[in-house]
């Protein structure tokens, strides 16, 4: 199991959620 790969997947996923929340706040 590649920890770095999983970590990257998690970061990308949560960062995407964060960006979605930020954009919905403004609009």
N, C-alpha and C. Protein backbone atom coordinates (compact mmCIF):
# COMPACT_ATOMS: atom_id res chain seq x y z
N UNK A 1 0.85 -1.20 0.00
CA UNK A 1 0.00 0.00 0.00
C UNK A 1 0.88 1.25 0.00
N UNK A 2 0.61 2.14 -0.94
CA UNK A 2 1.44 3.34 -1.05
C UNK A 2 0.82 4.49 -0.26
N UNK A 3 1.44 4.80 0.88
CA UNK A 3 0.92 5.86 1.76
C UNK A 3 0.91 7.21 1.05
N UNK A 4 1.99 7.51 0.35
CA UNK A 4 2.08 8.82 -0.32
C UNK A 4 0.98 9.00 -1.34
N UNK A 5 0.66 7.92 -2.06
CA UNK A 5 -0.40 7.99 -3.06
C UNK A 5 -1.75 8.25 -2.38
N UNK A 6 -2.02 7.50 -1.30
CA UNK A 6 -3.27 7.67 -0.57
C UNK A 6 -3.37 9.08 0.00
N UNK A 7 -2.26 9.58 0.54
CA UNK A 7 -2.24 10.92 1.12
C UNK A 7 -2.57 11.95 0.05
N UNK A 8 -1.99 11.76 -1.13
CA UNK A 8 -2.25 12.70 -2.23
C UNK A 8 -3.71 12.67 -2.61
N UNK A 9 -4.31 11.47 -2.62
CA UNK A 9 -5.72 11.33 -2.97
C UNK A 9 -6.60 12.06 -1.95
N UNK A 10 -6.27 11.88 -0.66
CA UNK A 10 -7.04 12.54 0.39
C UNK A 10 -6.93 14.04 0.29
N UNK A 11 -5.72 14.54 0.11
CA UNK A 11 -5.49 15.99 0.03
C UNK A 11 -6.25 16.58 -1.15
N UNK A 12 -6.19 15.90 -2.29
CA UNK A 12 -6.90 16.39 -3.48
C UNK A 12 -8.40 16.42 -3.23
N UNK A 13 -8.91 15.37 -2.58
CA UNK A 13 -10.34 15.27 -2.31
C UNK A 13 -10.82 16.38 -1.37
N UNK A 14 -10.10 16.54 -0.24
CA UNK A 14 -10.51 17.54 0.74
C UNK A 14 -10.30 18.96 0.22
N UNK A 15 -9.23 19.16 -0.58
CA UNK A 15 -8.99 20.48 -1.15
C UNK A 15 -10.12 20.83 -2.12
N UNK A 16 -10.59 19.83 -2.85
CA UNK A 16 -11.71 20.05 -3.77
C UNK A 16 -12.97 20.45 -3.00
N UNK A 17 -13.22 19.77 -1.88
CA UNK A 17 -14.38 20.10 -1.06
C UNK A 17 -14.25 21.52 -0.52
N UNK A 18 -13.04 21.88 -0.08
CA UNK A 18 -12.79 23.21 0.46
C UNK A 18 -13.07 24.28 -0.60
N UNK A 19 -12.57 24.06 -1.82
CA UNK A 19 -12.79 25.03 -2.90
C UNK A 19 -14.27 25.15 -3.22
N UNK A 20 -14.99 24.01 -3.20
CA UNK A 20 -16.42 24.04 -3.49
C UNK A 20 -17.17 24.85 -2.43
N UNK A 21 -16.79 24.67 -1.17
CA UNK A 21 -17.43 25.41 -0.09
C UNK A 21 -17.16 26.90 -0.21
N UNK A 22 -15.92 27.26 -0.55
CA UNK A 22 -15.54 28.66 -0.67
C UNK A 22 -16.32 29.32 -1.80
N UNK A 23 -16.47 28.63 -2.93
CA UNK A 23 -17.17 29.24 -4.06
C UNK A 23 -18.66 29.39 -3.77
N UNK A 24 -19.23 28.44 -3.05
CA UNK A 24 -20.66 28.52 -2.77
C UNK A 24 -20.93 29.65 -1.77
N UNK A 25 -19.95 29.99 -0.94
CA UNK A 25 -20.11 31.10 0.00
C UNK A 25 -20.23 32.42 -0.77
N UNK A 26 -19.37 32.59 -1.77
CA UNK A 26 -19.33 33.86 -2.50
C UNK A 26 -20.56 34.02 -3.39
N UNK A 27 -21.01 32.93 -4.00
CA UNK A 27 -22.12 33.04 -4.93
C UNK A 27 -23.38 32.67 -4.25
